[in-house]
Amino acid sequence: MASSYDKTHYPAQNNLTVPGWGTPPPAIPDNKITQTITADILIIGAGCAGLFAAHSAAEQGLKVVVMEKFATFSARGMDNGAVNSTLQRKAGKDIDEDLLLSDLIRFANNRVHSELIALWVRQSGRVFDHYINLCEANGMKVALADTFNFATHYPDLYRQYPTAHIFANADQKISTGNEYIPTQQAFLGFIEKECKKLGVSFYYDVASEQLLREENGRVNGATGKTKEGEYIKFRAAHAVILASGGYSENQEMLDAWCPIVNKAEIKTYNPHGGNNGEVLAQALWINADLQNWPHPAMIHTIPGFHVDLMCGNQSFMHVNQSGKRFQCESLPNQYLVNGRFRQPGQHSWAIFDSRYESDHKTFQTGFDGPITEPIEILNAHADKGQLFRANTLDELARQIGLPTDTFVATCKRYSDMAHQGKDTDFNKEPGLMFPIEQAPFYAIPMHSHLLVTLGGLNCDPDMQVLDTQGHKIAGLYAVGNIQGNFFANEYPLMAPGLSHGRAITLSYVLGEQLAENIKATLNKK
């Protein structure tokens, strides 16, 4: 195993030490190996990207092995983004591919490989058609999730594309309004079964320990460790595909490459331990390179007190600890996070009045439908002290520790602009401006939570991992969140389901490409 570790992976100064993941361990000796598994393709990680890479390669007739450290595959969420699937076209939701591609590249300041984004934009419709047909033929259902209502009415302020597809079992409900149903578990469970039908071998409870590379030559496998402590050597005749996810649970990596996430109050990932970044470190040990940092991440707003209320994600007025409004509250979720991070102490509150329930429905920012959250739910949380409620704005200001005169003046100005139908401060859409006049009045602190990191290994447009000199590492590929150069800056919410859609589409295309390359090589012999 090559052990060249480039310290440029860690932006440290002379007096700082190399982090714990920076020192390659000794190679695992052959006398500790209890068995050897051979295949055409080895995939490390059985999440969304890994399963679709496995299914694609197996469809092409390749022998595929998947190594996964948990007892089963991992799935979360529900949205899967694609462009111009047959389902979308039948529903009249044709998407301008050129415009979407340009928007995504501009959003990333062109710090990406445009070819990777183009793969998703141009190929996802075809790939999703394949899986829509496969799922429906096996009794599953597929639905489209609509864009937010105001994104349609105000496209010049912020375009949003109707990309989200939801795959579910026939007896499952589909998320609507504020009802969140994580149907991805059923979808990936079906794909895993289809993989097994095609002969894919899954080695669960086996964690990757080291990638196998002879000096600076080809990567031809990996060594895994069972939960009983036994070592298994996996040999891949043609390719190793890394599909192990991000590093949101590795504090040293976050400090080095994505420090903004340290501002998030909550870090959530299920299952716990799934994003430790250990396979990313293993790639660095064999001289793989990283995407330029700082890396992007997926960080969303969430109400304080750990309550499951939609008010923390909507377009109500926001104020900082000075009692002043500081941003347009209808900006995309991650933009709102950035705005709050700049405020004194990172403190902000969402402010609204007793017309909460009717105002909420107007936002049209739910899952394919309006938000419906009865005021009784809000008051129940207020009774428990999980949000602030007062009969006057002065009293509310005192409860949350804001300057009374400034806060009351801010609320009056906001209400006046709402009546006038023009936000002269931050240009929020008039249909999302509601007066704050009718008692009782409410405030809830705004927090944020980190879902995943979105930066990874430096990959070329063929998804092949590059070394620190910019050369291809033979036999090594990356898909999903360990793959770099698809996202930059932050996660673009203009295309709902893009993270899953990228994982599905690019993994499927990679399986096709590898099979084509292998056949071409064999034909030359």
Protein backbone atom coordinates (compact mmCIF):
# COMPACT_ATOMS: atom_id res chain seq x y z
CA MET A 1 0.00 0.00 0.00
CA ALA A 2 1.34 3.38 -0.96
CA SER A 3 1.67 5.62 2.06
CA SER A 4 2.39 9.06 0.67
CA TYR A 5 0.33 11.57 2.61
CA ASP A 6 0.22 15.08 1.20
CA LYS A 7 -0.07 17.63 4.01
CA THR A 8 -1.86 20.01 1.65
CA HIS A 9 -4.95 17.96 2.48
CA TYR A 10 -4.97 19.77 5.80
CA PRO A 11 -4.73 23.58 5.67
CA ALA A 12 -2.60 23.78 8.80
CA GLN A 13 0.23 26.13 9.69
CA ASN A 14 3.70 25.20 10.91
CA ASN A 15 2.80 24.92 14.58
CA LEU A 16 -0.21 22.64 14.02
CA THR A 17 0.01 18.87 13.92
CA VAL A 18 -1.21 16.53 11.21
CA PRO A 19 -4.70 15.31 12.22
CA GLY A 20 -5.41 11.79 13.43
CA TRP A 21 -6.62 10.59 10.06
CA GLY A 22 -3.49 11.90 8.35
CA THR A 23 -1.09 9.07 9.17
CA PRO A 24 -1.49 5.86 7.13
CA PRO A 25 -1.42 2.70 9.26
CA PRO A 26 0.81 -0.29 8.45
CA ALA A 27 -0.49 -2.63 5.77
CA ILE A 28 -2.53 -5.54 7.10
CA PRO A 29 -0.36 -8.67 6.67
CA ASP A 30 -1.62 -11.58 4.60
CA ASN A 31 -1.41 -13.97 7.55
CA LYS A 32 -4.29 -12.08 9.17
CA ILE A 33 -6.57 -12.53 6.16
CA THR A 34 -9.20 -15.22 6.80
CA GLN A 35 -10.73 -15.28 3.32
CA THR A 36 -10.43 -13.64 -0.09
CA ILE A 37 -13.41 -12.56 -2.21
CA THR A 38 -13.03 -11.84 -5.93
CA ALA A 39 -15.30 -9.89 -8.25
CA ASP A 40 -15.27 -7.65 -11.29
CA ILE A 41 -16.42 -4.64 -9.26
CA LEU A 42 -16.09 -3.90 -5.54
CA ILE A 43 -18.38 -1.23 -4.11
CA ILE A 44 -17.71 0.18 -0.64
CA GLY A 45 -20.93 1.46 0.90
CA ALA A 46 -24.55 0.35 0.56
CA GLY A 47 -26.32 3.68 0.59
CA CYS A 48 -28.21 5.22 -2.31
CA ALA A 49 -25.17 5.63 -4.57
CA GLY A 50 -23.70 2.22 -3.79
CA LEU A 51 -26.93 0.33 -4.43
CA PHE A 52 -27.55 1.94 -7.81
CA ALA A 53 -23.94 1.45 -8.89
CA ALA A 54 -24.28 -2.22 -7.95
CA HIS A 55 -27.58 -2.63 -9.76
CA SER A 56 -26.31 -0.95 -12.90
CA ALA A 57 -23.10 -2.98 -13.09
CA ALA A 58 -24.97 -6.21 -12.39
CA GLU A 59 -27.49 -5.43 -15.12
CA GLN A 60 -24.54 -5.26 -17.50
CA GLY A 61 -23.51 -8.78 -16.52
CA LEU A 62 -20.63 -7.90 -14.19
CA LYS A 63 -19.87 -9.76 -10.97
CA VAL A 64 -20.42 -7.25 -8.16
CA VAL A 65 -19.59 -7.33 -4.46
CA VAL A 66 -20.75 -4.69 -1.96
CA MET A 67 -19.00 -4.16 1.39
CA GLU A 68 -21.01 -2.29 4.04
CA LYS A 69 -20.05 -1.64 7.67
CA PHE A 70 -23.64 -1.66 8.95
CA ALA A 71 -26.01 -4.61 9.22
CA THR A 72 -28.04 -3.46 6.22
CA PHE A 73 -28.27 -0.69 3.62
CA SER A 74 -28.83 2.96 4.58
CA ALA A 75 -31.73 5.11 3.41
CA ARG A 76 -33.26 8.43 4.43
CA GLY A 77 -35.59 11.06 3.04
CA MET A 78 -37.92 10.77 0.09
CA ASP A 79 -37.10 13.15 -2.80
CA ASN A 80 -35.18 11.94 -5.87
CA GLY A 81 -34.38 14.57 -8.47
CA ALA A 82 -34.52 14.00 -12.22
CA VAL A 83 -34.97 16.06 -15.35
CA ASN A 84 -37.59 15.34 -18.01
CA SER A 85 -38.60 11.83 -17.09
CA THR A 86 -41.58 10.43 -18.96
CA LEU A 87 -43.62 10.96 -15.80
CA GLN A 88 -42.71 14.65 -15.76
CA ARG A 89 -43.45 15.13 -19.43
CA LYS A 90 -46.85 13.44 -19.10
CA ALA A 91 -47.65 15.83 -16.25
CA GLY A 92 -46.65 18.84 -18.36
CA LYS A 93 -43.59 19.56 -16.23
CA ASP A 94 -41.04 19.96 -19.00
CA ILE A 95 -37.78 21.43 -17.73
CA ASP A 96 -35.42 23.66 -19.70
CA GLU A 97 -32.26 21.56 -19.41
CA ASP A 98 -29.93 24.29 -20.63
CA LEU A 99 -31.29 26.82 -18.15
CA LEU A 100 -31.08 24.40 -15.23
CA LEU A 101 -27.53 23.40 -16.13
CA SER A 102 -26.47 27.05 -16.31
CA ASP A 103 -28.19 27.85 -13.02
CA LEU A 104 -26.42 25.03 -11.19
CA ILE A 105 -23.00 25.95 -12.57
CA ARG A 106 -23.47 29.62 -11.71
CA PHE A 107 -24.71 28.72 -8.23
CA ALA A 108 -21.44 26.84 -7.67
CA ASN A 109 -19.35 29.72 -9.07
CA ASN A 110 -18.07 27.17 -11.60
CA ARG A 111 -16.03 25.44 -8.86
CA VAL A 112 -17.31 22.13 -10.19
CA HIS A 113 -16.94 19.83 -13.17
CA SER A 114 -19.71 21.02 -15.46
CA GLU A 115 -19.62 17.63 -17.17
CA LEU A 116 -20.71 15.88 -13.97
CA ILE A 117 -23.67 18.22 -13.55
CA ALA A 118 -24.51 17.80 -17.23
CA LEU A 119 -24.57 14.02 -16.74
CA TRP A 120 -27.35 14.43 -14.20
CA VAL A 121 -29.25 17.02 -16.23
CA ARG A 122 -29.03 15.12 -19.54
CA GLN A 123 -29.18 11.50 -18.33
CA SER A 124 -31.40 11.49 -15.26
CA GLY A 125 -34.64 11.38 -17.23
CA ARG A 126 -33.54 8.23 -19.04
CA VAL A 127 -32.24 6.59 -15.87
CA PHE A 128 -35.36 7.43 -13.89
CA ASP A 129 -37.60 6.11 -16.66
CA HIS A 130 -35.82 2.79 -16.25
CA TYR A 131 -36.51 2.71 -12.51
CA ILE A 132 -40.03 4.07 -12.77
CA ASN A 133 -40.88 1.22 -15.14
CA LEU A 134 -39.12 -1.33 -12.95
CA CYS A 135 -40.84 -0.15 -9.77
CA GLU A 136 -44.29 0.10 -11.29
CA ALA A 137 -43.93 -3.35 -12.85
CA ASN A 138 -43.33 -4.67 -9.34
CA GLY A 139 -46.27 -3.02 -7.63
CA MET A 140 -44.61 0.16 -6.38
CA LYS A 141 -45.88 3.65 -7.10
CA VAL A 142 -44.08 6.79 -8.22
CA ALA A 143 -45.31 10.34 -7.73
CA LEU A 144 -44.07 13.83 -8.50
CA ALA A 145 -43.68 16.46 -5.81
CA ASP A 146 -44.63 19.93 -6.98
CA THR A 147 -42.51 23.04 -6.58
CA PHE A 148 -43.35 25.64 -3.98
CA ASN A 149 -46.21 27.83 -5.11
CA PHE A 150 -44.35 31.13 -4.83
CA ALA A 151 -41.33 29.79 -6.67
CA THR A 152 -43.67 29.46 -9.64
CA HIS A 153 -45.16 32.94 -9.23
CA TYR A 154 -41.82 34.72 -8.80
CA PRO A 155 -39.31 32.88 -11.01
CA ASP A 156 -37.09 35.93 -11.45
CA LEU A 157 -36.34 36.06 -7.72
CA TYR A 158 -35.44 32.41 -7.35
CA ARG A 159 -36.16 29.68 -9.85
CA GLN A 160 -37.15 26.25 -8.65
CA TYR A 161 -37.50 23.26 -10.93
CA PRO A 162 -40.07 20.44 -10.49
CA THR A 163 -37.45 17.68 -10.25
CA ALA A 164 -38.56 15.65 -7.21
CA HIS A 165 -39.82 12.07 -7.67
CA ILE A 166 -41.09 9.96 -4.77
CA PHE A 167 -40.93 6.16 -4.96
CA ALA A 168 -43.10 4.28 -2.45
CA ASN A 169 -44.73 0.96 -1.72
CA ALA A 170 -48.27 0.63 -3.01
CA ASP A 171 -49.72 0.91 0.51
CA GLN A 172 -47.58 3.87 1.59
CA LYS A 173 -48.84 7.43 1.77
CA ILE A 174 -46.97 10.11 -0.16
CA SER A 175 -45.84 13.21 1.74
CA THR A 176 -48.09 16.24 1.29
CA GLY A 177 -48.16 19.58 3.07
CA ASN A 178 -46.19 19.31 6.31
CA GLU A 179 -46.64 15.54 6.51
CA TYR A 180 -43.18 14.05 6.11
CA ILE A 181 -43.08 10.36 5.16
CA PRO A 182 -39.58 8.93 4.53
CA THR A 183 -40.39 6.57 1.67
CA GLN A 184 -36.76 6.16 0.56
CA GLN A 185 -36.38 3.10 2.78
CA ALA A 186 -38.94 1.22 0.69
CA PHE A 187 -37.37 2.37 -2.57
CA LEU A 188 -33.84 1.30 -1.67
CA GLY A 189 -35.12 -1.90 -0.12
CA PHE A 190 -36.60 -2.77 -3.47
CA ILE A 191 -33.35 -1.94 -5.29
CA GLU A 192 -31.38 -4.12 -2.88
CA LYS A 193 -33.68 -7.06 -3.65
CA GLU A 194 -33.26 -6.45 -7.37
CA CYS A 195 -29.49 -6.41 -6.91
CA LYS A 196 -29.61 -9.79 -5.20
CA LYS A 197 -31.73 -11.19 -8.03
CA LEU A 198 -28.92 -10.19 -10.39
CA GLY A 199 -26.31 -11.96 -8.29
CA VAL A 200 -24.84 -9.06 -6.32
CA SER A 201 -23.18 -10.28 -3.11
CA PHE A 202 -23.59 -8.09 -0.02
CA TYR A 203 -21.11 -8.32 2.83
CA TYR A 204 -22.80 -6.50 5.69
CA ASP A 205 -21.14 -5.79 9.04
CA VAL A 206 -17.80 -5.56 7.24
CA ALA A 207 -15.99 -2.22 7.49
CA SER A 208 -13.38 -1.13 4.97
CA GLU A 209 -9.97 -0.81 6.64
CA GLN A 210 -7.55 -0.18 3.76
CA LEU A 211 -7.65 0.19 0.00
CA LEU A 212 -5.27 -2.09 -1.88
CA ARG A 213 -2.86 -0.40 -4.27
CA GLU A 214 0.52 -1.61 -5.44
CA GLU A 215 2.89 1.35 -5.05
CA ASN A 216 1.44 4.02 -7.36
CA GLY A 217 -0.30 1.57 -9.65
CA ARG A 218 -3.84 0.27 -9.90
CA VAL A 219 -6.29 0.01 -7.02
CA ASN A 220 -7.40 -3.60 -7.09
CA GLY A 221 -9.41 -4.10 -3.94
CA ALA A 222 -9.76 -3.41 -0.24
CA THR A 223 -9.37 -5.15 3.08
CA GLY A 224 -12.42 -5.25 5.31
CA LYS A 225 -12.90 -6.13 8.95
CA THR A 226 -15.89 -8.03 10.31
CA LYS A 227 -17.54 -7.13 13.60
CA GLU A 228 -15.87 -10.24 15.02
CA GLY A 229 -12.48 -8.78 14.14
CA GLU A 230 -11.64 -11.03 11.19
CA TYR A 231 -10.08 -9.59 8.03
CA ILE A 232 -11.44 -10.24 4.53
CA LYS A 233 -9.56 -9.30 1.38
CA PHE A 234 -11.74 -8.18 -1.52
CA ARG A 235 -10.10 -8.31 -4.94
CA ALA A 236 -11.64 -6.34 -7.80
CA ALA A 237 -10.50 -7.28 -11.29
CA HIS A 238 -11.70 -4.06 -12.89
CA ALA A 239 -12.81 -1.32 -10.47
CA VAL A 240 -13.31 -0.23 -6.88
CA ILE A 241 -16.19 2.22 -6.44
CA LEU A 242 -16.24 4.31 -3.26
CA ALA A 243 -19.80 5.06 -2.15
CA SER A 244 -19.30 5.55 1.57
CA GLY A 245 -20.85 9.00 2.06
CA GLY A 246 -19.48 12.15 3.63
CA TYR A 247 -17.66 13.08 6.82
CA SER A 248 -20.18 15.06 8.87
CA GLU A 249 -19.33 13.06 12.01
CA ASN A 250 -15.55 13.56 11.77
CA GLN A 251 -14.74 16.72 13.68
CA GLU A 252 -11.14 16.99 12.47
CA MET A 253 -12.21 16.78 8.84
CA LEU A 254 -14.95 19.35 9.42
CA ASP A 255 -12.47 21.72 11.03
CA ALA A 256 -10.09 21.27 8.11
CA TRP A 257 -12.34 21.38 5.07
CA CYS A 258 -15.83 22.57 6.06
CA PRO A 259 -15.57 24.75 9.17
CA ILE A 260 -18.86 26.58 8.58
CA VAL A 261 -20.76 23.51 9.79
CA ASN A 262 -19.43 24.13 13.28
CA LYS A 263 -21.92 26.99 13.49
CA ALA A 264 -24.86 24.56 13.21
CA GLU A 265 -26.50 23.82 16.55
CA ILE A 266 -27.52 20.29 15.58
CA LYS A 267 -25.79 17.58 13.57
CA THR A 268 -28.12 14.84 12.43
CA TYR A 269 -27.33 11.72 10.47
CA ASN A 270 -28.96 8.33 10.56
CA PRO A 271 -27.56 5.81 11.24
CA HIS A 272 -25.10 7.22 13.74
CA GLY A 273 -21.53 6.57 12.64
CA GLY A 274 -22.42 6.45 8.96
CA ASN A 275 -20.46 9.56 8.02
CA ASN A 276 -17.18 9.16 9.87
CA GLY A 277 -15.09 9.76 6.75
CA GLU A 278 -12.92 6.69 7.27
CA VAL A 279 -13.04 5.59 3.62
CA LEU A 280 -12.18 9.12 2.56
CA ALA A 281 -9.10 8.89 4.77
CA GLN A 282 -8.23 5.51 3.25
CA ALA A 283 -8.29 7.11 -0.20
CA LEU A 284 -5.97 9.88 0.99
CA TRP A 285 -3.54 7.25 2.30
CA ILE A 286 -3.02 6.01 -1.27
CA ASN A 287 -2.41 9.57 -2.53
CA ALA A 288 -5.92 10.47 -3.69
CA ASP A 289 -6.66 14.18 -3.88
CA LEU A 290 -9.48 16.28 -2.48
CA GLN A 291 -11.89 18.67 -4.12
CA ASN A 292 -10.84 22.25 -3.40
CA TRP A 293 -12.04 23.45 -0.01
CA PRO A 294 -13.90 24.89 1.75
CA HIS A 295 -16.33 22.10 0.98
CA PRO A 296 -20.09 22.60 0.68
CA ALA A 297 -22.57 21.14 3.14
CA MET A 298 -26.31 20.70 3.51
CA ILE A 299 -27.43 22.88 6.44
CA HIS A 300 -31.11 23.68 7.02
CA THR A 301 -33.04 25.86 9.43
CA ILE A 302 -34.90 24.26 12.31
CA PRO A 303 -36.90 25.67 15.25
CA GLY A 304 -35.28 25.83 18.65
CA PHE A 305 -36.26 23.66 21.62
CA HIS A 306 -36.04 20.55 19.37
CA VAL A 307 -39.73 20.88 18.50
CA ASP A 308 -41.29 19.55 15.32
CA LEU A 309 -42.95 22.76 14.17
CA MET A 310 -43.07 24.13 10.65
CA CYS A 311 -42.83 27.76 11.80
CA GLY A 312 -39.04 27.58 11.89
CA ASN A 313 -38.88 26.83 8.17
CA GLN A 314 -41.35 29.38 6.84
CA SER A 315 -41.28 33.00 5.70
CA PHE A 316 -42.33 34.77 8.90
CA MET A 317 -40.43 37.89 9.90
CA HIS A 318 -36.96 37.29 11.37
CA VAL A 319 -35.26 39.58 13.87
CA ASN A 320 -31.83 39.49 15.48
CA GLN A 321 -30.96 40.13 19.12
CA SER A 322 -30.94 43.86 18.42
CA GLY A 323 -34.63 43.60 17.57
CA LYS A 324 -34.01 44.39 13.91
CA ARG A 325 -35.02 42.58 10.76
CA PHE A 326 -31.96 41.51 8.75
CA GLN A 327 -32.92 39.52 5.63
CA CYS A 328 -35.57 38.52 3.12
CA GLU A 329 -37.21 35.57 4.85
CA SER A 330 -38.37 33.87 1.65
CA LEU A 331 -34.85 33.12 0.48
CA PRO A 332 -33.93 29.45 0.07
CA ASN A 333 -33.46 27.65 3.35
CA GLN A 334 -29.68 27.52 3.29
CA TYR A 335 -29.46 31.23 2.44
CA LEU A 336 -31.43 31.95 5.61
CA VAL A 337 -28.91 29.93 7.59
CA ASN A 338 -26.07 32.03 6.18
CA GLY A 339 -27.87 35.23 7.10
CA ARG A 340 -28.39 34.14 10.69
CA PHE A 341 -24.77 33.03 11.04
CA ARG A 342 -23.74 36.66 10.47
CA GLN A 343 -25.90 38.05 13.27
CA PRO A 344 -24.59 38.91 16.74
CA GLY A 345 -24.31 35.66 18.66
CA GLN A 346 -25.98 33.86 15.73
CA HIS A 347 -29.31 34.65 17.43
CA SER A 348 -32.55 35.21 15.55
CA TRP A 349 -36.25 34.66 16.09
CA ALA A 350 -39.23 34.05 13.82
CA ILE A 351 -42.06 36.41 14.76
CA PHE A 352 -45.77 35.97 13.94
CA ASP A 353 -49.21 36.59 15.39
CA SER A 354 -52.41 34.63 16.07
CA ARG A 355 -53.25 34.40 12.36
CA TYR A 356 -50.46 31.84 12.16
CA GLU A 357 -52.63 29.04 10.82
CA SER A 358 -54.17 30.97 7.92
CA ASP A 359 -50.86 32.66 7.07
CA HIS A 360 -49.08 29.31 7.03
CA LYS A 361 -51.41 27.89 4.39
CA THR A 362 -50.61 30.79 2.09
CA PHE A 363 -46.90 30.01 2.03
CA GLN A 364 -47.45 26.89 -0.12
CA THR A 365 -44.03 25.61 0.90
CA GLY A 366 -44.96 22.10 1.95
CA PHE A 367 -44.49 18.74 0.26
CA ASP A 368 -46.70 19.08 -2.82
CA GLY A 369 -49.34 21.01 -0.90
CA PRO A 370 -50.05 23.78 1.61
CA ILE A 371 -48.85 23.73 5.20
CA THR A 372 -51.62 22.79 7.62
CA GLU A 373 -50.52 23.24 11.23
CA PRO A 374 -53.39 24.07 13.61
CA ILE A 375 -52.87 26.91 16.05
CA GLU A 376 -53.69 24.46 18.85
CA ILE A 377 -50.41 22.63 18.18
CA LEU A 378 -48.54 25.91 18.46
CA ASN A 379 -50.26 26.82 21.73
CA ALA A 380 -49.58 23.39 23.20
CA HIS A 381 -45.86 23.97 22.68
CA ALA A 382 -46.16 27.47 24.14
CA ASP A 383 -47.84 26.00 27.24
CA LYS A 384 -44.79 23.74 27.65
CA GLY A 385 -42.40 26.67 27.35
CA GLN A 386 -41.13 25.49 23.96
CA LEU A 387 -41.80 28.81 22.24
CA PHE A 388 -42.60 32.31 23.41
CA ARG A 389 -46.13 33.78 23.53
CA ALA A 390 -47.34 37.14 24.80
CA ASN A 391 -50.41 39.37 24.62
CA THR A 392 -48.39 42.44 23.61
CA LEU A 393 -45.30 43.02 21.50
CA ASP A 394 -43.65 44.79 24.44
CA GLU A 395 -44.13 41.71 26.60
CA LEU A 396 -42.84 39.43 23.85
CA ALA A 397 -39.71 41.56 23.49
CA ARG A 398 -39.04 41.30 27.22
CA GLN A 399 -39.50 37.53 27.16
CA ILE A 400 -36.86 37.01 24.50
CA GLY A 401 -34.55 39.75 25.75
CA LEU A 402 -34.81 42.24 22.86
CA PRO A 403 -34.78 46.06 23.05
CA THR A 404 -38.49 46.82 23.36
CA ASP A 405 -38.69 50.07 21.39
CA THR A 406 -36.61 48.75 18.49
CA PHE A 407 -38.51 45.47 18.31
CA VAL A 408 -41.95 47.11 18.38
CA ALA A 409 -40.86 49.59 15.69
CA THR A 410 -39.56 46.73 13.55
CA CYS A 411 -42.89 44.90 13.82
CA LYS A 412 -44.84 48.06 12.96
CA ARG A 413 -42.70 48.77 9.92
CA TYR A 414 -43.08 45.19 8.72
CA SER A 415 -46.85 45.34 9.18
CA ASP A 416 -47.07 48.64 7.31
CA MET A 417 -45.13 47.18 4.37
CA ALA A 418 -47.37 44.11 4.40
CA HIS A 419 -50.46 46.33 4.10
CA GLN A 420 -48.82 48.34 1.32
CA GLY A 421 -47.83 45.18 -0.57
CA LYS A 422 -44.21 46.26 -0.95
CA ASP A 423 -41.14 45.21 1.04
CA THR A 424 -38.93 48.24 0.56
CA ASP A 425 -36.26 46.82 2.89
CA PHE A 426 -35.50 43.35 1.51
CA ASN A 427 -37.88 42.87 -1.44
CA LYS A 428 -39.78 39.88 -0.09
CA GLU A 429 -42.69 38.80 -2.25
CA PRO A 430 -45.84 40.70 -1.17
CA GLY A 431 -47.85 37.48 -1.00
CA LEU A 432 -45.57 36.32 1.81
CA MET A 433 -45.86 39.49 3.91
CA PHE A 434 -48.34 39.26 6.80
CA PRO A 435 -49.01 41.96 9.42
CA ILE A 436 -48.02 41.27 13.03
CA GLU A 437 -50.94 42.95 14.78
CA GLN A 438 -53.35 40.45 16.30
CA ALA A 439 -52.60 39.09 19.78
CA PRO A 440 -51.33 36.78 21.03
CA PHE A 441 -47.89 37.18 19.48
CA TYR A 442 -45.32 34.42 19.10
CA ALA A 443 -41.54 34.05 18.80
CA ILE A 444 -39.43 30.97 18.29
CA PRO A 445 -35.63 30.88 18.16
CA MET A 446 -34.07 29.89 14.85
CA HIS A 447 -31.47 27.13 14.84
CA SER A 448 -29.87 25.06 12.10
CA HIS A 449 -28.90 21.46 11.59
CA LEU A 450 -26.21 19.82 9.50
CA LEU A 451 -27.43 16.91 7.40
CA VAL A 452 -24.42 15.92 5.28
CA THR A 453 -21.19 17.23 3.82
CA LEU A 454 -21.08 17.48 0.03
CA GLY A 455 -17.38 17.77 -0.73
CA GLY A 456 -15.17 14.80 -1.40
CA LEU A 457 -12.47 13.31 -3.54
CA ASN A 458 -11.16 15.13 -6.58
CA CYS A 459 -12.82 13.27 -9.45
CA ASP A 460 -12.71 13.82 -13.18
CA PRO A 461 -15.82 13.90 -15.40
CA ASP A 462 -15.62 10.09 -15.68
CA MET A 463 -15.97 9.85 -11.87
CA GLN A 464 -12.43 8.50 -11.64
CA VAL A 465 -10.47 9.60 -8.58
CA LEU A 466 -7.37 11.74 -9.20
CA ASP A 467 -4.11 11.78 -7.25
CA THR A 468 -2.43 14.87 -5.80
CA GLN A 469 -0.67 15.49 -9.12
CA GLY A 470 -3.95 15.44 -11.04
CA HIS A 471 -3.43 12.00 -12.58
CA LYS A 472 -6.10 9.32 -12.74
CA ILE A 473 -5.80 6.56 -10.14
CA ALA A 474 -6.37 3.41 -12.15
CA GLY A 475 -9.30 1.35 -10.95
CA LEU A 476 -10.65 3.85 -8.39
CA TYR A 477 -13.99 5.68 -8.74
CA ALA A 478 -16.27 7.63 -6.42
CA VAL A 479 -20.03 8.24 -6.35
CA GLY A 480 -22.44 9.92 -3.95
CA ASN A 481 -21.26 12.29 -1.23
CA ILE A 482 -17.65 11.06 -1.26
CA GLN A 483 -17.43 12.24 -4.87
CA GLY A 484 -16.15 15.78 -5.24
CA ASN A 485 -16.62 18.43 -7.93
CA PHE A 486 -20.41 18.17 -8.26
CA PHE A 487 -21.36 20.69 -5.55
CA ALA A 488 -19.59 23.84 -4.37
CA ASN A 489 -20.37 26.64 -1.91
CA GLU A 490 -23.55 24.98 -0.58
CA TYR A 491 -26.48 22.77 -1.54
CA PRO A 492 -28.70 24.23 -4.30
CA LEU A 493 -32.36 23.89 -3.34
CA MET A 494 -33.51 24.96 -6.80
CA ALA A 495 -33.70 21.27 -7.83
CA PRO A 496 -35.41 19.28 -5.05
CA GLY A 497 -34.00 15.79 -4.61
CA LEU A 498 -30.75 16.65 -6.36
CA SER A 499 -28.55 14.84 -3.84
CA HIS A 500 -30.37 11.53 -4.31
CA GLY A 501 -30.87 12.20 -8.01
CA ARG A 502 -27.15 12.72 -8.52
CA ALA A 503 -26.39 9.53 -6.58
CA ILE A 504 -28.84 7.47 -8.62
CA THR A 505 -28.03 8.86 -12.05
CA LEU A 506 -24.25 9.11 -11.90
CA SER A 507 -23.92 5.73 -10.20
CA TYR A 508 -26.05 4.11 -12.86
CA VAL A 509 -24.13 5.78 -15.67
CA LEU A 510 -20.83 4.73 -14.07
CA GLY A 511 -21.95 1.11 -14.03
CA GLU A 512 -22.76 1.34 -17.73
CA GLN A 513 -19.45 3.02 -18.54
CA LEU A 514 -17.38 0.47 -16.65
CA ALA A 515 -19.13 -2.40 -18.38
CA GLU A 516 -18.55 -0.78 -21.76
CA ASN A 517 -14.87 -0.19 -20.98
CA ILE A 518 -14.37 -3.75 -19.76
CA LYS A 519 -15.97 -5.21 -22.87
CA ALA A 520 -13.86 -2.97 -25.10
CA THR A 521 -10.69 -4.08 -23.30
CA LEU A 522 -11.61 -7.75 -23.59
CA ASN A 523 -12.37 -7.36 -27.30
CA LYS A 524 -8.85 -6.04 -27.90
CA LYS A 525 -7.27 -9.17 -26.46
